[in-house]
Amino acid sequence: MEQRAFSRSGQQVSVLGLGTWQLGADWGEVVEDDALAVLDAAVEAGVTFLDTADVYGDGRSERLIARYRAQRPDADLLVATKMGRRLPQEPENYHLDHFRAWTDRSRENLGVDTLDLVQLHCPPTAVYHSDAVFDALDTLVAEGRTARYGVSVETCAQALAAIARPGTTSVQIILNPFRLKPLEEVLPAAVEAGVGIIARVPLASGLLSGRYTPETVFGADDHRTYNRNGEAFDQGETFSGVDYATGVEAAAEFARLAPSGATSAQTALRWIIQQPGVSTVIPGARSPEQARANAGAAALPPLPPATLDAVTELYDRRIRGQVHDRW
């Protein structure tokens, strides 16, 4: 699989990675053996980049990755984790003592002395403008707790603030055919600064798979049930902030843009991969078959200009009014 670099760090990542929120919590239950099978299928398909967080299943996702790495010491993986959501998202909680405690816990969960990459996990906007926060992150690197650091953001304004910080290796941001705003300023700024872009929520919480209907029911423990209006965390994390009914209709239109032999999900992933500035895209998977299918998007030929134009037209007509000015 194609490898791309985080230019500031030189770290290499597969253009198709694996997000492991699903393996920890909030997407319905995934038993441990099934989770390990998903990891193995992704790695066998060429994935070298895994994204996790200390709060995914209260560390379960990190521990599953550690168990898998112990079973597969030959796998050359770069694992990114996230920190900052173990306490209320208040600016005063983002300081060096907490960073040390959080990274020490993740190091233990992942079974490593030094984290490959740690990311602030969607902190409040004020955090991105705090010199003390970024001094503390630099200290984590100097102390060997993490090799590099990045941020995961909710808004484009937050992304631009993070990119301006010289120590930022990567910015993780929602980017998919239902969330086009990052194309305007964020991706060009990242290219100019040499900051990697990690595209998350690439299938709009599964909407862009084209498999859901107005009658689809999600489990009570699935964020697509309990966070549709932002009840538990930022609404943009669930269906990219698009209301479900609109999303289902727009996804059906998007599915008709898929080239012969490709699924709707693969088409969405291929669209993201070819956006200038994207380093890697991190779809989740709950089965080995899904992990392999997602990875297959990396082998698809680039989408033609007519398809790219059709995606923009669909977004402008059906989606823009709901999400563009919010994030």
Protein backbone atom coordinates (compact mmCIF):
# COMPACT_ATOMS: atom_id res chain seq x y z
CA MET A 1 0.00 0.00 0.00
CA GLU A 2 1.16 3.54 -0.72
CA GLN A 3 3.01 5.18 2.17
CA ARG A 4 2.94 8.93 2.79
CA ALA A 5 5.03 10.98 5.20
CA PHE A 6 4.27 13.34 8.02
CA SER A 7 6.80 15.81 6.66
CA ARG A 8 7.74 17.45 9.96
CA SER A 9 8.60 14.12 11.62
CA GLY A 10 9.49 11.93 8.65
CA GLN A 11 7.18 9.23 9.99
CA GLN A 12 5.65 7.07 7.27
CA VAL A 13 1.99 6.02 7.31
CA SER A 14 -0.16 3.93 5.01
CA VAL A 15 -2.55 6.04 2.99
CA LEU A 16 -5.36 3.86 4.36
CA GLY A 17 -5.12 3.46 8.12
CA LEU A 18 -7.46 1.96 10.69
CA GLY A 19 -9.45 3.86 13.29
CA THR A 20 -10.04 1.73 16.38
CA TRP A 21 -12.84 3.57 18.19
CA GLN A 22 -15.15 0.74 17.11
CA LEU A 23 -12.91 -1.81 18.85
CA GLY A 24 -13.15 0.01 22.16
CA ALA A 25 -16.70 1.26 22.65
CA ASP A 26 -19.65 3.33 21.42
CA TRP A 27 -20.40 1.32 18.26
CA GLY A 28 -21.96 -1.76 19.83
CA GLU A 29 -20.06 -4.69 21.29
CA VAL A 30 -17.05 -6.19 19.53
CA VAL A 31 -15.63 -9.24 21.32
CA GLU A 32 -11.87 -9.42 21.79
CA ASP A 33 -11.11 -12.19 19.31
CA ASP A 34 -13.14 -10.39 16.64
CA ALA A 35 -11.28 -7.15 17.35
CA LEU A 36 -7.92 -8.91 16.96
CA ALA A 37 -9.14 -10.43 13.70
CA VAL A 38 -10.01 -6.94 12.42
CA LEU A 39 -6.52 -5.70 13.27
CA ASP A 40 -4.94 -8.67 11.54
CA ALA A 41 -7.04 -8.27 8.40
CA ALA A 42 -6.11 -4.60 8.15
CA VAL A 43 -2.40 -5.28 8.60
CA GLU A 44 -2.45 -8.13 6.09
CA ALA A 45 -4.08 -5.71 3.62
CA GLY A 46 -1.17 -3.27 3.97
CA VAL A 47 -2.30 -0.96 6.78
CA THR A 48 0.61 0.38 8.86
CA PHE A 49 -1.16 3.20 10.74
CA LEU A 50 -3.52 2.67 13.67
CA ASP A 51 -5.37 5.43 15.49
CA THR A 52 -6.70 4.98 19.02
CA ALA A 53 -7.38 6.97 22.21
CA ASP A 54 -7.10 6.49 25.94
CA VAL A 55 -10.89 6.79 26.33
CA TYR A 56 -11.91 4.23 23.70
CA GLY A 57 -13.40 1.65 26.02
CA ASP A 58 -11.45 3.29 28.87
CA GLY A 59 -8.21 2.01 27.33
CA ARG A 60 -9.57 -1.24 25.88
CA SER A 61 -8.68 -0.24 22.34
CA GLU A 62 -5.08 0.54 23.35
CA ARG A 63 -4.76 -2.76 25.20
CA LEU A 64 -6.11 -4.71 22.23
CA ILE A 65 -3.51 -3.10 20.00
CA ALA A 66 -0.79 -4.02 22.50
CA ARG A 67 -1.98 -7.63 22.53
CA TYR A 68 -2.01 -7.73 18.74
CA ARG A 69 1.49 -6.27 18.48
CA ALA A 70 2.75 -8.88 20.92
CA GLN A 71 1.30 -11.58 18.66
CA ARG A 72 2.67 -9.93 15.51
CA PRO A 73 6.08 -8.44 16.36
CA ASP A 74 6.88 -8.51 12.62
CA ALA A 75 4.16 -5.91 11.89
CA ASP A 76 5.72 -2.49 11.27
CA LEU A 77 3.07 -0.24 12.78
CA LEU A 78 2.85 3.40 13.73
CA VAL A 79 0.25 3.79 16.49
CA ALA A 80 -1.23 7.17 17.30
CA THR A 81 -3.22 7.64 20.48
CA LYS A 82 -5.06 10.62 21.93
CA MET A 83 -5.37 12.23 25.35
CA GLY A 84 -7.40 14.89 27.09
CA ARG A 85 -10.88 13.49 27.55
CA ARG A 86 -10.41 11.74 30.87
CA LEU A 87 -11.46 14.96 32.59
CA PRO A 88 -13.96 17.69 31.67
CA GLN A 89 -12.85 19.59 28.56
CA GLU A 90 -11.86 22.73 30.44
CA PRO A 91 -8.71 24.67 29.48
CA GLU A 92 -7.25 24.51 33.00
CA ASN A 93 -7.05 20.70 32.77
CA TYR A 94 -4.55 20.81 29.90
CA HIS A 95 -1.22 21.02 31.71
CA LEU A 96 2.03 19.07 32.01
CA ASP A 97 1.15 17.02 35.11
CA HIS A 98 -2.00 15.69 33.47
CA PHE A 99 -0.17 15.14 30.17
CA ARG A 100 2.46 13.06 31.96
CA ALA A 101 -0.18 10.99 33.75
CA TRP A 102 -2.23 10.42 30.60
CA THR A 103 0.73 9.47 28.44
CA ASP A 104 2.11 7.20 31.15
CA ARG A 105 -1.22 5.37 31.22
CA SER A 106 -1.26 5.03 27.43
CA ARG A 107 2.36 3.82 27.40
CA GLU A 108 1.38 1.11 29.87
CA ASN A 109 -1.76 0.18 27.92
CA LEU A 110 0.17 0.00 24.64
CA GLY A 111 3.18 -1.73 26.17
CA VAL A 112 5.74 0.80 24.90
CA ASP A 113 8.33 3.10 26.46
CA THR A 114 7.71 5.87 23.94
CA LEU A 115 4.47 6.59 22.15
CA ASP A 116 4.79 7.01 18.38
CA LEU A 117 2.38 9.95 18.30
CA VAL A 118 0.08 11.45 20.90
CA GLN A 119 -2.71 13.84 19.94
CA LEU A 120 -4.74 16.26 21.98
CA HIS A 121 -8.27 14.87 21.75
CA CYS A 122 -10.49 17.70 20.52
CA PRO A 123 -9.74 20.16 23.33
CA PRO A 124 -11.48 23.52 23.77
CA THR A 125 -10.49 26.28 21.37
CA ALA A 126 -8.54 28.19 24.04
CA VAL A 127 -6.08 25.30 24.34
CA TYR A 128 -4.80 25.82 20.80
CA HIS A 129 -3.80 29.38 21.72
CA SER A 130 -1.93 28.49 24.92
CA ASP A 131 1.87 28.66 24.73
CA ALA A 132 2.04 26.72 28.00
CA VAL A 133 0.16 23.79 26.46
CA PHE A 134 2.54 23.50 23.54
CA ASP A 135 5.56 23.96 25.82
CA ALA A 136 4.22 21.02 27.84
CA LEU A 137 3.84 18.93 24.68
CA ASP A 138 7.43 19.75 23.74
CA THR A 139 8.44 18.58 27.23
CA LEU A 140 6.76 15.21 26.64
CA VAL A 141 8.94 14.76 23.56
CA ALA A 142 12.08 15.86 25.42
CA GLU A 143 11.32 13.38 28.22
CA GLY A 144 10.84 10.52 25.77
CA ARG A 145 7.21 9.91 26.63
CA THR A 146 6.22 10.43 22.99
CA ALA A 147 8.17 10.71 19.77
CA ARG A 148 5.89 13.39 18.31
CA TYR A 149 2.60 15.13 18.99
CA GLY A 150 -0.40 16.31 17.03
CA VAL A 151 -3.99 17.37 17.56
CA SER A 152 -7.45 16.12 16.75
CA VAL A 153 -9.80 19.02 16.05
CA GLU A 154 -13.48 19.78 15.65
CA THR A 155 -13.25 22.94 13.57
CA CYS A 156 -11.20 24.32 10.72
CA ALA A 157 -10.24 27.35 12.83
CA GLN A 158 -8.75 25.02 15.45
CA ALA A 159 -6.84 23.16 12.73
CA LEU A 160 -5.31 26.37 11.40
CA ALA A 161 -4.22 27.41 14.91
CA ALA A 162 -2.56 24.03 15.46
CA ILE A 163 -0.82 24.06 12.08
CA ALA A 164 0.79 27.39 13.03
CA ARG A 165 2.54 25.71 15.98
CA PRO A 166 6.02 24.56 14.91
CA GLY A 167 5.96 21.32 16.90
CA THR A 168 2.68 20.02 15.48
CA THR A 169 3.30 16.88 13.42
CA SER A 170 -0.27 16.11 12.42
CA VAL A 171 -3.83 17.39 12.48
CA GLN A 172 -6.72 14.98 12.58
CA ILE A 173 -9.92 16.44 11.16
CA ILE A 174 -13.27 15.26 9.83
CA LEU A 175 -13.05 15.12 6.06
CA ASN A 176 -15.40 13.25 3.75
CA PRO A 177 -17.79 13.98 0.85
CA PHE A 178 -20.25 15.36 3.42
CA ARG A 179 -17.63 17.65 5.03
CA LEU A 180 -15.76 19.72 2.43
CA LYS A 181 -14.79 22.85 4.35
CA PRO A 182 -11.22 21.63 5.20
CA LEU A 183 -10.43 21.75 1.47
CA GLU A 184 -10.66 25.54 1.46
CA GLU A 185 -7.89 26.54 3.90
CA VAL A 186 -6.83 23.69 6.15
CA LEU A 187 -5.35 21.32 3.59
CA PRO A 188 -3.44 24.04 1.71
CA ALA A 189 -2.03 25.38 5.01
CA ALA A 190 -0.97 21.88 6.07
CA VAL A 191 0.82 21.30 2.77
CA GLU A 192 2.69 24.59 3.10
CA ALA A 193 3.71 23.87 6.71
CA GLY A 194 4.55 20.20 6.21
CA VAL A 195 1.90 19.05 8.69
CA GLY A 196 0.27 15.67 8.11
CA ILE A 197 -3.50 15.45 7.72
CA ILE A 198 -5.32 12.46 9.23
CA ALA A 199 -8.84 12.31 7.79
CA ARG A 200 -11.31 10.94 10.31
CA VAL A 201 -15.03 10.07 10.23
CA PRO A 202 -14.44 9.33 6.53
CA LEU A 203 -17.72 7.53 5.99
CA ALA A 204 -19.85 9.95 8.03
CA SER A 205 -20.43 7.31 10.71
CA GLY A 206 -21.34 4.76 8.04
CA LEU A 207 -23.78 6.90 6.06
CA LEU A 208 -21.49 6.88 3.03
CA SER A 209 -21.51 3.10 2.96
CA GLY A 210 -24.98 3.47 1.45
CA ARG A 211 -26.27 0.62 3.62
CA TYR A 212 -28.61 2.55 5.89
CA THR A 213 -32.28 3.32 5.39
CA PRO A 214 -34.76 5.49 7.31
CA GLU A 215 -35.76 2.33 9.16
CA THR A 216 -32.26 1.33 10.30
CA VAL A 217 -32.04 0.98 14.08
CA PHE A 218 -28.75 1.28 15.99
CA GLY A 219 -28.12 -0.14 19.44
CA ALA A 220 -28.70 1.86 22.58
CA ASP A 221 -24.93 1.80 23.26
CA ASP A 222 -24.14 3.13 19.77
CA HIS A 223 -23.36 6.85 19.50
CA ARG A 224 -25.48 6.93 16.33
CA THR A 225 -28.44 6.50 18.69
CA TYR A 226 -27.49 8.57 21.72
CA ASN A 227 -25.51 11.44 20.15
CA ARG A 228 -27.51 12.43 17.09
CA ASN A 229 -28.08 15.92 18.47
CA GLY A 230 -24.79 16.23 20.35
CA GLU A 231 -26.14 14.95 23.65
CA ALA A 232 -22.87 13.25 24.69
CA PHE A 233 -20.16 15.01 22.66
CA ASP A 234 -19.80 17.22 19.60
CA GLN A 235 -22.65 16.56 17.17
CA GLY A 236 -20.24 16.69 14.26
CA GLU A 237 -18.75 13.35 15.32
CA THR A 238 -22.03 11.57 14.54
CA PHE A 239 -23.04 11.41 10.86
CA SER A 240 -20.65 14.38 10.35
CA GLY A 241 -23.34 16.59 11.87
CA VAL A 242 -25.85 15.89 9.09
CA ASP A 243 -29.35 15.01 10.21
CA TYR A 244 -30.00 11.34 9.64
CA ALA A 245 -32.88 11.61 7.17
CA THR A 246 -30.99 14.03 4.93
CA GLY A 247 -27.87 11.91 5.23
CA VAL A 248 -29.61 8.74 4.08
CA GLU A 249 -31.06 10.47 1.03
CA ALA A 250 -27.75 12.14 0.12
CA ALA A 251 -25.88 8.87 0.62
CA ALA A 252 -28.18 7.14 -1.84
CA GLU A 253 -27.29 9.80 -4.40
CA PHE A 254 -23.61 9.46 -3.61
CA ALA A 255 -23.75 5.69 -4.11
CA ARG A 256 -24.73 6.24 -7.73
CA LEU A 257 -21.37 7.95 -8.29
CA ALA A 258 -19.39 4.80 -7.46
CA PRO A 259 -17.33 3.48 -10.39
CA SER A 260 -17.88 -0.03 -11.66
CA GLY A 261 -16.51 -2.61 -9.25
CA ALA A 262 -16.26 -0.21 -6.28
CA THR A 263 -18.58 0.15 -3.31
CA SER A 264 -19.96 3.44 -2.07
CA ALA A 265 -17.64 3.28 0.95
CA GLN A 266 -14.59 2.63 -1.21
CA THR A 267 -15.56 5.55 -3.44
CA ALA A 268 -15.75 7.88 -0.44
CA LEU A 269 -12.36 6.71 0.79
CA ARG A 270 -10.84 7.08 -2.68
CA TRP A 271 -12.23 10.63 -2.85
CA ILE A 272 -10.46 11.49 0.41
CA ILE A 273 -7.17 9.85 -0.56
CA GLN A 274 -6.81 12.01 -3.64
CA GLN A 275 -7.35 15.33 -1.90
CA PRO A 276 -4.00 17.20 -1.92
CA GLY A 277 -2.54 17.29 1.58
CA VAL A 278 -4.15 14.13 2.98
CA SER A 279 -1.59 11.82 4.59
CA THR A 280 -3.88 9.02 5.71
CA VAL A 281 -7.57 8.27 6.18
CA ILE A 282 -8.75 6.18 9.12
CA PRO A 283 -12.03 4.31 8.59
CA GLY A 284 -13.07 1.98 11.36
CA ALA A 285 -14.10 -1.62 10.88
CA ARG A 286 -16.08 -4.13 12.91
CA SER A 287 -15.25 -7.21 10.83
CA PRO A 288 -12.24 -8.51 8.90
CA GLU A 289 -14.24 -8.30 5.68
CA GLN A 290 -14.95 -4.63 6.27
CA ALA A 291 -11.29 -3.93 7.07
CA ARG A 292 -10.17 -5.61 3.84
CA ALA A 293 -12.79 -3.81 1.78
CA ASN A 294 -11.78 -0.44 3.20
CA ALA A 295 -8.12 -1.11 2.48
CA GLY A 296 -9.06 -1.98 -1.09
CA ALA A 297 -9.92 1.67 -1.73
CA ALA A 298 -6.19 2.43 -1.84
CA ALA A 299 -5.86 0.36 -5.01
CA LEU A 300 -8.67 2.09 -6.89
CA PRO A 301 -7.72 4.48 -9.72
CA PRO A 302 -8.30 8.18 -9.05
CA LEU A 303 -11.86 9.37 -9.48
CA PRO A 304 -12.35 11.35 -12.70
CA PRO A 305 -13.02 15.12 -12.67
CA ALA A 306 -16.69 14.58 -13.50
CA THR A 307 -17.15 12.52 -10.33
CA LEU A 308 -15.30 15.08 -8.22
CA ASP A 309 -17.57 17.81 -9.59
CA ALA A 310 -20.64 15.69 -8.87
CA VAL A 311 -19.54 15.24 -5.23
CA THR A 312 -19.19 19.00 -4.83
CA GLU A 313 -22.59 19.60 -6.43
CA LEU A 314 -24.25 17.07 -4.11
CA TYR A 315 -22.61 18.66 -1.09
CA ASP A 316 -23.65 22.16 -2.10
CA ARG A 317 -27.22 21.11 -2.77
CA ARG A 318 -27.92 18.75 0.14
CA ILE A 319 -25.30 19.15 2.90
CA ARG A 320 -23.58 22.54 2.94
CA GLY A 321 -26.35 24.42 4.71
CA GLN A 322 -26.27 22.04 7.68
CA VAL A 323 -22.53 21.77 8.35
CA HIS A 324 -20.35 24.23 6.48
CA ASP A 325 -20.55 27.19 8.84
CA ARG A 326 -20.55 25.13 12.03
CA TRP A 327 -17.21 23.36 11.80
